[in-house]
Amino acid sequence: MLTDKLRIVELKRRLLSTATMLAEDEVYSREDAVGDIAWVVRQLDDIERNYTQL
């Protein structure tokens, strides 16, 4: 359970980082942001599946 909490904290940090880069960095593309956000969502889905199986 602690591992999942740490993963969630890291995923939140990654989303904030993605939003910041998208707002500030002209090199960071929307496609890159969509890819990063999709990865985070898949990770959160994995965590959710683990809890629903308990």
N, C-alpha and C. Protein backbone atom coordinates (compact mmCIF):
# COMPACT_ATOMS: atom_id res chain seq x y z
N MET A 1 0.83 -1.20 0.00
CA MET A 1 0.00 0.00 0.00
C MET A 1 0.87 1.26 0.00
N LEU A 2 1.94 1.26 0.78
CA LEU A 2 2.83 2.42 0.81
C LEU A 2 3.46 2.64 -0.57
N THR A 3 3.80 1.55 -1.24
CA THR A 3 4.38 1.66 -2.57
C THR A 3 3.41 2.35 -3.52
N ASP A 4 2.12 2.00 -3.44
CA ASP A 4 1.12 2.64 -4.29
C ASP A 4 0.99 4.12 -3.96
N LYS A 5 1.04 4.47 -2.70
CA LYS A 5 0.96 5.89 -2.31
C LYS A 5 2.15 6.66 -2.88
N LEU A 6 3.32 6.06 -2.80
CA LEU A 6 4.51 6.71 -3.36
C LEU A 6 4.39 6.85 -4.88
N ARG A 7 3.85 5.83 -5.53
CA ARG A 7 3.65 5.90 -6.99
C ARG A 7 2.68 7.03 -7.34
N ILE A 8 1.60 7.16 -6.56
CA ILE A 8 0.62 8.21 -6.82
C ILE A 8 1.26 9.59 -6.67
N VAL A 9 2.05 9.76 -5.63
CA VAL A 9 2.75 11.04 -5.43
C VAL A 9 3.66 11.33 -6.62
N GLU A 10 4.40 10.34 -7.08
CA GLU A 10 5.29 10.52 -8.23
C GLU A 10 4.49 10.82 -9.50
N LEU A 11 3.35 10.17 -9.66
CA LEU A 11 2.52 10.41 -10.84
C LEU A 11 1.96 11.84 -10.83
N LYS A 12 1.55 12.31 -9.67
CA LYS A 12 1.08 13.69 -9.56
C LYS A 12 2.20 14.66 -9.91
N ARG A 13 3.41 14.38 -9.42
CA ARG A 13 4.55 15.23 -9.74
C ARG A 13 4.80 15.25 -11.24
N ARG A 14 4.68 14.09 -11.86
CA ARG A 14 4.91 14.02 -13.31
C ARG A 14 3.87 14.80 -14.09
N LEU A 15 2.61 14.74 -13.65
CA LEU A 15 1.57 15.53 -14.32
C LEU A 15 1.83 17.02 -14.20
N LEU A 16 2.23 17.47 -13.00
CA LEU A 16 2.55 18.88 -12.80
C LEU A 16 3.75 19.30 -13.66
N SER A 17 4.73 18.43 -13.73
CA SER A 17 5.90 18.70 -14.55
C SER A 17 5.52 18.81 -16.02
N THR A 18 4.66 17.91 -16.46
CA THR A 18 4.19 17.93 -17.86
C THR A 18 3.46 19.23 -18.16
N ALA A 19 2.58 19.63 -17.25
CA ALA A 19 1.84 20.88 -17.44
C ALA A 19 2.78 22.08 -17.48
N THR A 20 3.77 22.08 -16.60
CA THR A 20 4.73 23.19 -16.56
C THR A 20 5.54 23.26 -17.84
N MET A 21 6.03 22.11 -18.29
CA MET A 21 6.82 22.10 -19.53
C MET A 21 5.99 22.54 -20.72
N LEU A 22 4.74 22.11 -20.76
CA LEU A 22 3.86 22.49 -21.87
C LEU A 22 3.62 24.00 -21.88
N ALA A 23 3.50 24.59 -20.70
CA ALA A 23 3.25 26.02 -20.60
C ALA A 23 4.49 26.86 -20.89
N GLU A 24 5.68 26.34 -20.55
CA GLU A 24 6.89 27.15 -20.61
C GLU A 24 7.83 26.81 -21.75
N ASP A 25 7.80 25.60 -22.24
CA ASP A 25 8.82 25.12 -23.17
C ASP A 25 8.24 24.99 -24.57
N GLU A 26 8.78 25.76 -25.49
CA GLU A 26 8.29 25.71 -26.86
C GLU A 26 8.72 24.43 -27.58
N VAL A 27 9.73 23.74 -27.06
CA VAL A 27 10.23 22.52 -27.69
C VAL A 27 9.37 21.32 -27.31
N TYR A 28 8.79 21.34 -26.12
CA TYR A 28 7.95 20.25 -25.63
C TYR A 28 6.62 20.31 -26.36
N SER A 29 6.35 19.31 -27.17
CA SER A 29 5.16 19.35 -28.02
C SER A 29 3.91 18.83 -27.30
N ARG A 30 2.78 19.16 -27.89
CA ARG A 30 1.52 18.65 -27.36
C ARG A 30 1.48 17.13 -27.45
N GLU A 31 2.07 16.59 -28.51
CA GLU A 31 2.10 15.13 -28.68
C GLU A 31 2.89 14.48 -27.54
N ASP A 32 4.01 15.10 -27.16
CA ASP A 32 4.80 14.60 -26.04
C ASP A 32 3.97 14.64 -24.75
N ALA A 33 3.26 15.73 -24.56
CA ALA A 33 2.44 15.88 -23.36
C ALA A 33 1.34 14.82 -23.32
N VAL A 34 0.70 14.60 -24.45
CA VAL A 34 -0.36 13.59 -24.51
C VAL A 34 0.21 12.21 -24.19
N GLY A 35 1.37 11.91 -24.72
CA GLY A 35 2.02 10.63 -24.43
C GLY A 35 2.34 10.47 -22.96
N ASP A 36 2.86 11.53 -22.34
CA ASP A 36 3.19 11.48 -20.91
C ASP A 36 1.93 11.32 -20.06
N ILE A 37 0.90 12.06 -20.40
CA ILE A 37 -0.35 11.98 -19.64
C ILE A 37 -0.99 10.60 -19.81
N ALA A 38 -0.96 10.05 -21.01
CA ALA A 38 -1.51 8.71 -21.23
C ALA A 38 -0.76 7.68 -20.39
N TRP A 39 0.56 7.82 -20.28
CA TRP A 39 1.35 6.91 -19.46
C TRP A 39 0.92 6.99 -18.00
N VAL A 40 0.73 8.21 -17.50
CA VAL A 40 0.31 8.40 -16.11
C VAL A 40 -1.06 7.76 -15.89
N VAL A 41 -1.97 7.95 -16.81
CA VAL A 41 -3.31 7.36 -16.68
C VAL A 41 -3.24 5.84 -16.65
N ARG A 42 -2.40 5.25 -17.48
CA ARG A 42 -2.23 3.79 -17.47
C ARG A 42 -1.70 3.31 -16.11
N GLN A 43 -0.76 4.07 -15.55
CA GLN A 43 -0.22 3.71 -14.24
C GLN A 43 -1.30 3.79 -13.16
N LEU A 44 -2.11 4.84 -13.20
CA LEU A 44 -3.19 4.99 -12.23
C LEU A 44 -4.23 3.88 -12.40
N ASP A 45 -4.53 3.50 -13.63
CA ASP A 45 -5.44 2.38 -13.88
C ASP A 45 -4.90 1.10 -13.27
N ASP A 46 -3.60 0.90 -13.38
CA ASP A 46 -2.97 -0.28 -12.80
C ASP A 46 -3.12 -0.29 -11.28
N ILE A 47 -2.91 0.84 -10.66
CA ILE A 47 -3.07 0.95 -9.21
C ILE A 47 -4.52 0.67 -8.83
N GLU A 48 -5.45 1.24 -9.58
CA GLU A 48 -6.87 1.03 -9.30
C GLU A 48 -7.25 -0.45 -9.43
N ARG A 49 -6.75 -1.12 -10.46
CA ARG A 49 -7.01 -2.55 -10.64
C ARG A 49 -6.51 -3.35 -9.44
N ASN A 50 -5.34 -2.99 -8.94
CA ASN A 50 -4.79 -3.70 -7.78
C ASN A 50 -5.70 -3.56 -6.56
N TYR A 51 -6.32 -2.40 -6.38
CA TYR A 51 -7.19 -2.20 -5.24
C TYR A 51 -8.53 -2.89 -5.42
N THR A 52 -9.04 -2.96 -6.63
CA THR A 52 -10.33 -3.60 -6.84
C THR A 52 -10.22 -5.11 -6.75
N GLN A 53 -9.02 -5.67 -6.91
CA GLN A 53 -8.82 -7.10 -6.79
C GLN A 53 -8.67 -7.55 -5.34
N LEU A 54 -8.44 -6.61 -4.42
CA LEU A 54 -8.26 -6.95 -3.01
C LEU A 54 -9.55 -7.35 -2.35
